[in-house]
PDB file of all heavy atoms in Angstrom:
ATOM      1  N   SER A   1      -3.509   0.443  -0.281  1.00  0.00           N
ATOM      2  CA  SER A   1      -4.269  -0.801  -0.422  1.00  0.00           C
ATOM      3  C   SER A   1      -3.819  -1.640  -1.610  1.00  0.00           C
ATOM      4  O   SER A   1      -3.985  -2.869  -1.604  1.00  0.00           O
ATOM      5  CB  SER A   1      -5.766  -0.496  -0.545  1.00  0.00           C
ATOM      6  OG  SER A   1      -6.001   0.450  -1.566  1.00  0.00           O
ATOM      7  N   LEU A   2      -3.222  -1.010  -2.635  1.00  0.00           N
ATOM      8  CA  LEU A   2      -2.741  -1.795  -3.771  1.00  0.00           C
ATOM      9  C   LEU A   2      -1.570  -2.688  -3.371  1.00  0.00           C
ATOM     10  O   LEU A   2      -1.236  -3.623  -4.095  1.00  0.00           O
ATOM     11  CB  LEU A   2      -2.343  -0.881  -4.924  1.00  0.00           C
ATOM     12  CG  LEU A   2      -3.502  -0.224  -5.679  1.00  0.00           C
ATOM     13  CD1 LEU A   2      -2.997   0.530  -6.893  1.00  0.00           C
ATOM     14  CD2 LEU A   2      -4.545  -1.265  -6.098  1.00  0.00           C
ATOM     15  N   GLY A   3      -0.962  -2.399  -2.223  1.00  0.00           N
ATOM     16  CA  GLY A   3       0.053  -3.310  -1.715  1.00  0.00           C
ATOM     17  C   GLY A   3      -0.528  -4.672  -1.395  1.00  0.00           C
ATOM     18  O   GLY A   3       0.131  -5.700  -1.577  1.00  0.00           O
ATOM     19  N   VAL A   4      -1.783  -4.714  -0.910  1.00  0.00           N
ATOM     20  CA  VAL A   4      -2.463  -5.995  -0.642  1.00  0.00           C
ATOM     21  C   VAL A   4      -2.665  -6.753  -1.944  1.00  0.00           C
ATOM     22  O   VAL A   4      -2.427  -7.965  -2.039  1.00  0.00           O
ATOM     23  CB  VAL A   4      -3.812  -5.749   0.054  1.00  0.00           C
ATOM     24  CG1 VAL A   4      -4.568  -7.058   0.255  1.00  0.00           C
ATOM     25  CG2 VAL A   4      -3.610  -5.042   1.389  1.00  0.00           C
ATOM     26  N   THR A   5      -3.124  -6.031  -2.982  1.00  0.00           N
ATOM     27  CA  THR A   5      -3.313  -6.647  -4.298  1.00  0.00           C
ATOM     28  C   THR A   5      -1.999  -7.231  -4.799  1.00  0.00           C
ATOM     29  O   THR A   5      -1.953  -8.356  -5.302  1.00  0.00           O
ATOM     30  CB  THR A   5      -3.841  -5.597  -5.291  1.00  0.00           C
ATOM     31  OG1 THR A   5      -5.017  -4.984  -4.762  1.00  0.00           O
ATOM     32  CG2 THR A   5      -4.161  -6.223  -6.629  1.00  0.00           C
ATOM     33  N   ALA A   6      -0.931  -6.473  -4.653  1.00  0.00           N
ATOM     34  CA  ALA A   6       0.368  -6.925  -5.133  1.00  0.00           C
ATOM     35  C   ALA A   6       0.860  -8.146  -4.362  1.00  0.00           C
ATOM     36  O   ALA A   6       1.408  -9.088  -4.947  1.00  0.00           O
ATOM     37  CB  ALA A   6       1.384  -5.783  -5.022  1.00  0.00           C
ATOM     38  N   MET A   7       0.662  -8.144  -3.036  1.00  0.00           N
ATOM     39  CA  MET A   7       1.100  -9.290  -2.236  1.00  0.00           C
ATOM     40  C   MET A   7       0.342 -10.556  -2.634  1.00  0.00           C
ATOM     41  O   MET A   7       0.940 -11.641  -2.726  1.00  0.00           O
ATOM     42  CB  MET A   7       0.919  -8.996  -0.751  1.00  0.00           C
ATOM     43  CG  MET A   7       1.913  -7.999  -0.198  1.00  0.00           C
ATOM     44  SD  MET A   7       1.914  -7.893   1.618  1.00  0.00           S
ATOM     45  CE  MET A   7       0.272  -7.263   1.946  1.00  0.00           C
ATOM     46  N   ALA A   8      -0.970 -10.407  -2.874  1.00  0.00           N
ATOM     47  CA  ALA A   8      -1.762 -11.577  -3.275  1.00  0.00           C
ATOM     48  C   ALA A   8      -1.316 -12.098  -4.636  1.00  0.00           C
ATOM     49  O   ALA A   8      -1.125 -13.314  -4.827  1.00  0.00           O
ATOM     50  CB  ALA A   8      -3.245 -11.209  -3.303  1.00  0.00           C
ATOM     51  N   ALA A   9      -1.136 -11.181  -5.589  1.00  0.00           N
ATOM     52  CA  ALA A   9      -0.702 -11.595  -6.924  1.00  0.00           C
ATOM     53  C   ALA A   9       0.698 -12.198  -6.883  1.00  0.00           C
ATOM     54  O   ALA A   9       0.987 -13.187  -7.573  1.00  0.00           O
ATOM     55  CB  ALA A   9      -0.738 -10.403  -7.875  1.00  0.00           C
ATOM     56  N   ALA A  10       1.581 -11.628  -6.065  1.00  0.00           N
ATOM     57  CA  ALA A  10       2.944 -12.145  -5.960  1.00  0.00           C
ATOM     58  C   ALA A  10       2.952 -13.577  -5.436  1.00  0.00           C
ATOM     59  O   ALA A  10       3.741 -14.417  -5.893  1.00  0.00           O
ATOM     60  CB  ALA A  10       3.772 -11.242  -5.045  1.00  0.00           C
ATOM     61  N   LYS A  11       2.058 -13.862  -4.502  1.00  0.00           N
ATOM     62  CA  LYS A  11       1.997 -15.214  -3.946  1.00  0.00           C
ATOM     63  C   LYS A  11       1.431 -16.197  -4.962  1.00  0.00           C
ATOM     64  O   LYS A  11       1.939 -17.318  -5.115  1.00  0.00           O
ATOM     65  CB  LYS A  11       1.135 -15.209  -2.687  1.00  0.00           C
ATOM     66  CG  LYS A  11       1.137 -16.531  -1.950  1.00  0.00           C
ATOM     67  CD  LYS A  11       0.495 -16.423  -0.583  1.00  0.00           C
ATOM     68  CE  LYS A  11       0.591 -17.746   0.168  1.00  0.00           C
ATOM     69  NZ  LYS A  11       0.025 -17.656   1.528  1.00  0.00           N
ATOM     70  N   LEU A  12       0.383 -15.793  -5.675  1.00  0.00           N
ATOM     71  CA  LEU A  12      -0.249 -16.683  -6.656  1.00  0.00           C
ATOM     72  C   LEU A  12       0.646 -16.908  -7.866  1.00  0.00           C
ATOM     73  O   LEU A  12       0.720 -18.019  -8.408  1.00  0.00           O
ATOM     74  CB  LEU A  12      -1.593 -16.111  -7.088  1.00  0.00           C
ATOM     75  CG  LEU A  12      -2.686 -16.093  -6.021  1.00  0.00           C
ATOM     76  CD1 LEU A  12      -3.875 -15.252  -6.474  1.00  0.00           C
ATOM     77  CD2 LEU A  12      -3.148 -17.512  -5.691  1.00  0.00           C
ATOM     78  N   TRP A  13       1.311 -15.871  -8.290  1.00  0.00           N
ATOM     79  CA  TRP A  13       2.154 -15.941  -9.486  1.00  0.00           C
ATOM     80  C   TRP A  13       3.606 -16.322  -9.173  1.00  0.00           C
ATOM     81  O   TRP A  13       4.360 -16.649 -10.071  1.00  0.00           O
ATOM     82  CB  TRP A  13       2.157 -14.584 -10.188  1.00  0.00           C
ATOM     83  CG  TRP A  13       1.047 -14.370 -11.168  1.00  0.00           C
ATOM     84  CD1 TRP A  13       0.362 -15.309 -11.874  1.00  0.00           C
ATOM     85  CD2 TRP A  13       0.518 -13.098 -11.583  1.00  0.00           C
ATOM     86  NE1 TRP A  13      -0.561 -14.723 -12.700  1.00  0.00           N
ATOM     87  CE2 TRP A  13      -0.488 -13.357 -12.542  1.00  0.00           C
ATOM     88  CE3 TRP A  13       0.785 -11.785 -11.244  1.00  0.00           C
ATOM     89  CZ2 TRP A  13      -1.221 -12.343 -13.166  1.00  0.00           C
ATOM     90  CZ3 TRP A  13       0.067 -10.778 -11.864  1.00  0.00           C
ATOM     91  CH2 TRP A  13      -0.930 -11.051 -12.813  1.00  0.00           C
ATOM     92  N   ARG A  14       4.001 -16.198  -7.875  1.00  0.00           N
ATOM     93  CA  ARG A  14       5.406 -16.332  -7.509  1.00  0.00           C
ATOM     94  C   ARG A  14       6.244 -15.339  -8.315  1.00  0.00           C
ATOM     95  O   ARG A  14       7.231 -15.687  -8.970  1.00  0.00           O
ATOM     96  CB  ARG A  14       5.900 -17.760  -7.716  1.00  0.00           C
ATOM     97  CG  ARG A  14       5.104 -18.750  -6.899  1.00  0.00           C
ATOM     98  CD  ARG A  14       5.766 -20.082  -6.786  1.00  0.00           C
ATOM     99  NE  ARG A  14       4.984 -20.973  -5.960  1.00  0.00           N
ATOM    100  CZ  ARG A  14       5.426 -22.124  -5.470  1.00  0.00           C
ATOM    101  NH1 ARG A  14       6.660 -22.513  -5.739  1.00  0.00           N
ATOM    102  NH2 ARG A  14       4.652 -22.879  -4.738  1.00  0.00           N
ATOM    103  N   CYS A  15       5.819 -14.100  -8.222  1.00  0.00           N
ATOM    104  CA  CYS A  15       6.380 -13.022  -9.026  1.00  0.00           C
ATOM    105  C   CYS A  15       6.718 -11.859  -8.099  1.00  0.00           C
ATOM    106  O   CYS A  15       5.903 -11.482  -7.251  1.00  0.00           O
ATOM    107  CB  CYS A  15       5.358 -12.603 -10.080  1.00  0.00           C
ATOM    108  SG  CYS A  15       5.677 -11.049 -10.887  1.00  0.00           S
ATOM    109  N   PRO A  16       7.891 -11.254  -8.185  1.00  0.00           N
ATOM    110  CA  PRO A  16       8.252 -10.143  -7.297  1.00  0.00           C
ATOM    111  C   PRO A  16       7.522  -8.849  -7.672  1.00  0.00           C
ATOM    112  O   PRO A  16       7.093  -8.672  -8.821  1.00  0.00           O
ATOM    113  CB  PRO A  16       9.763  -9.992  -7.504  1.00  0.00           C
ATOM    114  CG  PRO A  16       9.983 -10.478  -8.901  1.00  0.00           C
ATOM    115  CD  PRO A  16       8.992 -11.598  -9.111  1.00  0.00           C
ATOM    116  N   PHE A  17       7.401  -7.964  -6.694  1.00  0.00           N
ATOM    117  CA  PHE A  17       6.842  -6.649  -7.002  1.00  0.00           C
ATOM    118  C   PHE A  17       7.703  -5.551  -6.397  1.00  0.00           C
ATOM    119  O   PHE A  17       8.344  -5.727  -5.358  1.00  0.00           O
ATOM    120  CB  PHE A  17       5.383  -6.525  -6.539  1.00  0.00           C
ATOM    121  CG  PHE A  17       5.171  -6.418  -5.050  1.00  0.00           C
ATOM    122  CD1 PHE A  17       5.099  -5.183  -4.404  1.00  0.00           C
ATOM    123  CD2 PHE A  17       5.017  -7.576  -4.277  1.00  0.00           C
ATOM    124  CE1 PHE A  17       4.891  -5.087  -3.040  1.00  0.00           C
ATOM    125  CE2 PHE A  17       4.806  -7.496  -2.903  1.00  0.00           C
ATOM    126  CZ  PHE A  17       4.742  -6.251  -2.290  1.00  0.00           C
ATOM    127  N   VAL A  18       7.721  -4.423  -7.093  1.00  0.00           N
ATOM    128  CA  VAL A  18       8.423  -3.221  -6.665  1.00  0.00           C
ATOM    129  C   VAL A  18       7.367  -2.228  -6.214  1.00  0.00           C
ATOM    130  O   VAL A  18       6.401  -1.960  -6.942  1.00  0.00           O
ATOM    131  CB  VAL A  18       9.267  -2.634  -7.820  1.00  0.00           C
ATOM    132  CG1 VAL A  18       9.929  -1.330  -7.393  1.00  0.00           C
ATOM    133  CG2 VAL A  18      10.301  -3.643  -8.305  1.00  0.00           C
ATOM    134  N   PHE A  19       7.538  -1.695  -5.022  1.00  0.00           N
ATOM    135  CA  PHE A  19       6.547  -0.784  -4.439  1.00  0.00           C
ATOM    136  C   PHE A  19       7.084   0.640  -4.536  1.00  0.00           C
ATOM    137  O   PHE A  19       8.127   0.966  -3.957  1.00  0.00           O
ATOM    138  CB  PHE A  19       6.284  -1.165  -2.981  1.00  0.00           C
ATOM    139  CG  PHE A  19       4.989  -0.630  -2.438  1.00  0.00           C
ATOM    140  CD1 PHE A  19       3.783  -0.994  -2.996  1.00  0.00           C
ATOM    141  CD2 PHE A  19       4.981   0.227  -1.347  1.00  0.00           C
ATOM    142  CE1 PHE A  19       2.581  -0.514  -2.494  1.00  0.00           C
ATOM    143  CE2 PHE A  19       3.796   0.711  -0.830  1.00  0.00           C
ATOM    144  CZ  PHE A  19       2.586   0.344  -1.410  1.00  0.00           C
ATOM    145  N   TRP A  20       6.359   1.495  -5.263  1.00  0.00           N
ATOM    146  CA  TRP A  20       6.800   2.859  -5.548  1.00  0.00           C
ATOM    147  C   TRP A  20       6.049   3.810  -4.615  1.00  0.00           C
ATOM    148  O   TRP A  20       4.874   4.085  -4.812  1.00  0.00           O
ATOM    149  CB  TRP A  20       6.509   3.164  -7.009  1.00  0.00           C
ATOM    150  CG  TRP A  20       7.096   4.440  -7.524  1.00  0.00           C
ATOM    151  CD1 TRP A  20       7.903   5.304  -6.863  1.00  0.00           C
ATOM    152  CD2 TRP A  20       6.916   4.967  -8.840  1.00  0.00           C
ATOM    153  NE1 TRP A  20       8.239   6.360  -7.680  1.00  0.00           N
ATOM    154  CE2 TRP A  20       7.652   6.183  -8.892  1.00  0.00           C
ATOM    155  CE3 TRP A  20       6.221   4.534  -9.970  1.00  0.00           C
ATOM    156  CZ2 TRP A  20       7.680   6.970 -10.042  1.00  0.00           C
ATOM    157  CZ3 TRP A  20       6.258   5.317 -11.112  1.00  0.00           C
ATOM    158  CH2 TRP A  20       6.990   6.521 -11.149  1.00  0.00           C
ATOM    159  N   VAL A  21       6.731   4.299  -3.600  1.00  0.00           N
ATOM    160  CA  VAL A  21       6.106   5.130  -2.558  1.00  0.00           C
ATOM    161  C   VAL A  21       6.179   6.600  -2.964  1.00  0.00           C
ATOM    162  O   VAL A  21       7.269   7.176  -3.079  1.00  0.00           O
ATOM    163  CB  VAL A  21       6.808   4.933  -1.199  1.00  0.00           C
ATOM    164  CG1 VAL A  21       6.170   5.819  -0.137  1.00  0.00           C
ATOM    165  CG2 VAL A  21       6.760   3.469  -0.789  1.00  0.00           C
ATOM    166  N   ASN A  22       5.007   7.217  -3.159  1.00  0.00           N
ATOM    167  CA  ASN A  22       4.945   8.625  -3.510  1.00  0.00           C
ATOM    168  C   ASN A  22       4.332   9.481  -2.416  1.00  0.00           C
ATOM    169  O   ASN A  22       4.448  10.709  -2.452  1.00  0.00           O
ATOM    170  CB  ASN A  22       4.161   8.800  -4.810  1.00  0.00           C
ATOM    171  CG  ASN A  22       4.921   8.297  -6.009  1.00  0.00           C
ATOM    172  OD1 ASN A  22       5.634   9.042  -6.659  1.00  0.00           O
ATOM    173  ND2 ASN A  22       4.791   7.005  -6.310  1.00  0.00           N
ATOM    174  N   ASP A  23       3.666   8.865  -1.470  1.00  0.00           N
ATOM    175  CA  ASP A  23       3.157   9.543  -0.272  1.00  0.00           C
ATOM    176  C   ASP A  23       3.222   8.558   0.877  1.00  0.00           C
ATOM    177  O   ASP A  23       3.034   7.352   0.674  1.00  0.00           O
ATOM    178  CB  ASP A  23       1.713  10.020  -0.446  1.00  0.00           C
ATOM    179  CG  ASP A  23       1.632  11.373  -1.142  1.00  0.00           C
ATOM    180  OD1 ASP A  23       2.453  12.259  -0.828  1.00  0.00           O
ATOM    181  OD2 ASP A  23       0.751  11.543  -2.002  1.00  0.00           O
ATOM    182  N   LEU A  24       3.452   9.061   2.073  1.00  0.00           N
ATOM    183  CA  LEU A  24       3.629   8.198   3.243  1.00  0.00           C
ATOM    184  C   LEU A  24       2.287   7.867   3.884  1.00  0.00           C
ATOM    185  O   LEU A  24       1.958   8.367   4.957  1.00  0.00           O
ATOM    186  CB  LEU A  24       4.563   8.874   4.243  1.00  0.00           C
ATOM    187  CG  LEU A  24       6.004   9.069   3.740  1.00  0.00           C
ATOM    188  CD1 LEU A  24       6.771   9.984   4.666  1.00  0.00           C
ATOM    189  CD2 LEU A  24       6.708   7.721   3.601  1.00  0.00           C
ATOM    190  N   TRP A  25       1.505   7.043   3.208  1.00  0.00           N
ATOM    191  CA  TRP A  25       0.252   6.588   3.792  1.00  0.00           C
ATOM    192  C   TRP A  25       0.555   5.428   4.743  1.00  0.00           C
ATOM    193  O   TRP A  25       1.458   4.644   4.474  1.00  0.00           O
ATOM    194  CB  TRP A  25      -0.705   6.138   2.686  1.00  0.00           C
ATOM    195  CG  TRP A  25      -1.269   7.307   1.948  1.00  0.00           C
ATOM    196  CD1 TRP A  25      -0.591   8.219   1.176  1.00  0.00           C
ATOM    197  CD2 TRP A  25      -2.638   7.722   1.919  1.00  0.00           C
ATOM    198  NE1 TRP A  25      -1.439   9.157   0.675  1.00  0.00           N
ATOM    199  CE2 TRP A  25      -2.712   8.877   1.114  1.00  0.00           C
ATOM    200  CE3 TRP A  25      -3.804   7.228   2.505  1.00  0.00           C
ATOM    201  CZ2 TRP A  25      -3.909   9.546   0.873  1.00  0.00           C
ATOM    202  CZ3 TRP A  25      -4.994   7.890   2.249  1.00  0.00           C
ATOM    203  CH2 TRP A  25      -5.032   9.036   1.447  1.00  0.00           C
ATOM    204  N   PRO A  26      -0.185   5.323   5.864  1.00  0.00           N
ATOM    205  CA  PRO A  26      -1.405   6.064   6.219  1.00  0.00           C
ATOM    206  C   PRO A  26      -1.185   7.363   6.982  1.00  0.00           C
ATOM    207  O   PRO A  26      -2.140   8.012   7.369  1.00  0.00           O
ATOM    208  CB  PRO A  26      -2.148   5.062   7.097  1.00  0.00           C
ATOM    209  CG  PRO A  26      -1.056   4.338   7.810  1.00  0.00           C
ATOM    210  CD  PRO A  26       0.067   4.197   6.811  1.00  0.00           C
ATOM    211  N   ARG A  27       0.070   7.773   7.210  1.00  0.00           N
ATOM    212  CA  ARG A  27       0.271   8.977   8.018  1.00  0.00           C
ATOM    213  C   ARG A  27      -0.294  10.223   7.351  1.00  0.00           C
ATOM    214  O   ARG A  27      -0.831  11.108   8.020  1.00  0.00           O
ATOM    215  CB  ARG A  27       1.758   9.158   8.324  1.00  0.00           C
ATOM    216  CG  ARG A  27       2.251   8.222   9.413  1.00  0.00           C
ATOM    217  CD  ARG A  27       3.612   8.634   9.892  1.00  0.00           C
ATOM    218  NE  ARG A  27       4.641   8.310   8.914  1.00  0.00           N
ATOM    219  CZ  ARG A  27       5.845   8.868   8.892  1.00  0.00           C
ATOM    220  NH1 ARG A  27       6.149   9.799   9.782  1.00  0.00           N
ATOM    221  NH2 ARG A  27       6.738   8.521   8.005  1.00  0.00           N
ATOM    222  N   VAL A  28      -0.179  10.308   6.023  1.00  0.00           N
ATOM    223  CA  VAL A  28      -0.753  11.447   5.319  1.00  0.00           C
ATOM    224  C   VAL A  28      -2.269  11.444   5.454  1.00  0.00           C
ATOM    225  O   VAL A  28      -2.899  12.499   5.622  1.00  0.00           O
ATOM    226  CB  VAL A  28      -0.329  11.429   3.835  1.00  0.00           C
ATOM    227  CG1 VAL A  28      -1.117  12.459   3.038  1.00  0.00           C
ATOM    228  CG2 VAL A  28       1.168  11.702   3.710  1.00  0.00           C
ATOM    229  N   ALA A  29      -2.877  10.269   5.393  1.00  0.00           N
ATOM    230  CA  ALA A  29      -4.333  10.170   5.553  1.00  0.00           C
ATOM    231  C   ALA A  29      -4.765  10.660   6.927  1.00  0.00           C
ATOM    232  O   ALA A  29      -5.808  11.318   7.076  1.00  0.00           O
ATOM    233  CB  ALA A  29      -4.786   8.728   5.341  1.00  0.00           C
ATOM    234  N   LEU A  30      -3.969  10.363   7.942  1.00  0.00           N
ATOM    235  CA  LEU A  30      -4.267  10.836   9.291  1.00  0.00           C
ATOM    236  C   LEU A  30      -4.155  12.357   9.348  1.00  0.00           C
ATOM    237  O   LEU A  30      -5.029  13.044   9.897  1.00  0.00           O
ATOM    238  CB  LEU A  30      -3.292  10.197  10.277  1.00  0.00           C
ATOM    239  CG  LEU A  30      -3.488  10.522  11.760  1.00  0.00           C
ATOM    240  CD1 LEU A  30      -4.780   9.912  12.285  1.00  0.00           C
ATOM    241  CD2 LEU A  30      -2.297  10.031  12.575  1.00  0.00           C
ATOM    242  N   PHE A  31      -3.105  12.903   8.762  1.00  0.00           N
ATOM    243  CA  PHE A  31      -2.886  14.343   8.769  1.00  0.00           C
ATOM    244  C   PHE A  31      -3.993  15.091   8.031  1.00  0.00           C
ATOM    245  O   PHE A  31      -4.449  16.152   8.465  1.00  0.00           O
ATOM    246  CB  PHE A  31      -1.531  14.649   8.138  1.00  0.00           C
ATOM    247  CG  PHE A  31      -1.310  16.104   7.842  1.00  0.00           C
ATOM    248  CD1 PHE A  31      -1.226  17.034   8.868  1.00  0.00           C
ATOM    249  CD2 PHE A  31      -1.194  16.542   6.532  1.00  0.00           C
ATOM    250  CE1 PHE A  31      -1.029  18.376   8.588  1.00  0.00           C
ATOM    251  CE2 PHE A  31      -0.998  17.876   6.255  1.00  0.00           C
ATOM    252  CZ  PHE A  31      -0.909  18.804   7.280  1.00  0.00           C
ATOM    253  N   LEU A  32      -4.458  14.538   6.904  1.00  0.00           N
ATOM    254  CA  LEU A  32      -5.481  15.218   6.111  1.00  0.00           C
ATOM    255  C   LEU A  32      -6.893  15.006   6.640  1.00  0.00           C
ATOM    256  O   LEU A  32      -7.839  15.579   6.115  1.00  0.00           O
ATOM    257  CB  LEU A  32      -5.407  14.738   4.652  1.00  0.00           C
ATOM    258  CG  LEU A  32      -4.126  15.101   3.898  1.00  0.00           C
ATOM    259  CD1 LEU A  32      -4.159  14.533   2.491  1.00  0.00           C
ATOM    260  CD2 LEU A  32      -3.912  16.611   3.857  1.00  0.00           C
ATOM    261  N   GLY A  33      -7.035  14.174   7.659  1.00  0.00           N
ATOM    262  CA  GLY A  33      -8.347  13.978   8.257  1.00  0.00           C
ATOM    263  C   GLY A  33      -9.165  12.868   7.649  1.00  0.00           C
ATOM    264  O   GLY A  33     -10.343  12.702   7.981  1.00  0.00           O
ATOM    265  N   PHE A  34      -8.570  12.075   6.748  1.00  0.00           N
ATOM    266  CA  PHE A  34      -9.297  10.945   6.171  1.00  0.00           C
ATOM    267  C   PHE A  34      -9.406   9.785   7.159  1.00  0.00           C
ATOM    268  O   PHE A  34     -10.283   8.943   7.042  1.00  0.00           O
ATOM    269  CB  PHE A  34      -8.610  10.442   4.898  1.00  0.00           C
ATOM    270  CG  PHE A  34      -8.695  11.404   3.745  1.00  0.00           C
ATOM    271  CD1 PHE A  34      -7.555  11.812   3.090  1.00  0.00           C
ATOM    272  CD2 PHE A  34      -9.903  11.914   3.325  1.00  0.00           C
ATOM    273  CE1 PHE A  34      -7.612  12.695   2.030  1.00  0.00           C
ATOM    274  CE2 PHE A  34      -9.982  12.799   2.268  1.00  0.00           C
ATOM    275  CZ  PHE A  34      -8.833  13.192   1.622  1.00  0.00           C
ATOM    276  N   MET A  35      -8.469   9.741   8.113  1.00  0.00           N
ATOM    277  CA  MET A  35      -8.490   8.688   9.117  1.00  0.00           C
ATOM    278  C   MET A  35      -8.305   9.324  10.487  1.00  0.00           C
ATOM    279  O   MET A  35      -7.793  10.453  10.603  1.00  0.00           O
ATOM    280  CB  MET A  35      -7.370   7.670   8.873  1.00  0.00           C
ATOM    281  CG  MET A  35      -7.428   6.936   7.561  1.00  0.00           C
ATOM    282  SD  MET A  35      -6.197   5.608   7.450  1.00  0.00           S
ATOM    283  CE  MET A  35      -6.941   4.375   8.522  1.00  0.00           C
ATOM    284  N   ALA A  36      -8.714   8.604  11.516  1.00  0.00           N
ATOM    285  CA  ALA A  36      -8.518   9.040  12.893  1.00  0.00           C
ATOM    286  C   ALA A  36      -7.712   7.973  13.634  1.00  0.00           C
ATOM    287  O   ALA A  36      -7.660   6.809  13.222  1.00  0.00           O
ATOM    288  CB  ALA A  36      -9.868   9.260  13.577  1.00  0.00           C
ATOM    289  N   GLU A  37      -7.061   8.392  14.700  1.00  0.00           N
ATOM    290  CA  GLU A  37      -6.353   7.422  15.536  1.00  0.00           C
ATOM    291  C   GLU A  37      -7.329   6.353  16.013  1.00  0.00           C
ATOM    292  O   GLU A  37      -8.453   6.650  16.407  1.00  0.00           O
ATOM    293  CB  GLU A  37      -5.756   8.136  16.754  1.00  0.00           C
ATOM    294  CG  GLU A  37      -4.671   9.145  16.413  1.00  0.00           C
ATOM    295  CD  GLU A  37      -3.298   8.503  16.327  1.00  0.00           C
ATOM    296  OE1 GLU A  37      -3.226   7.260  16.335  1.00  0.00           O
ATOM    297  OE2 GLU A  37      -2.319   9.260  16.249  1.00  0.00           O
TER     298      GLU A  37
END
């Protein structure tokens, strides 16, 4: 969800962002039972 925050700030500021992926969400959330299909 912080990707949404970053996209909004990038548009308002005209500033690039680097996205650091440490887990493959939302697939991990599905696997752990936090989300359903």
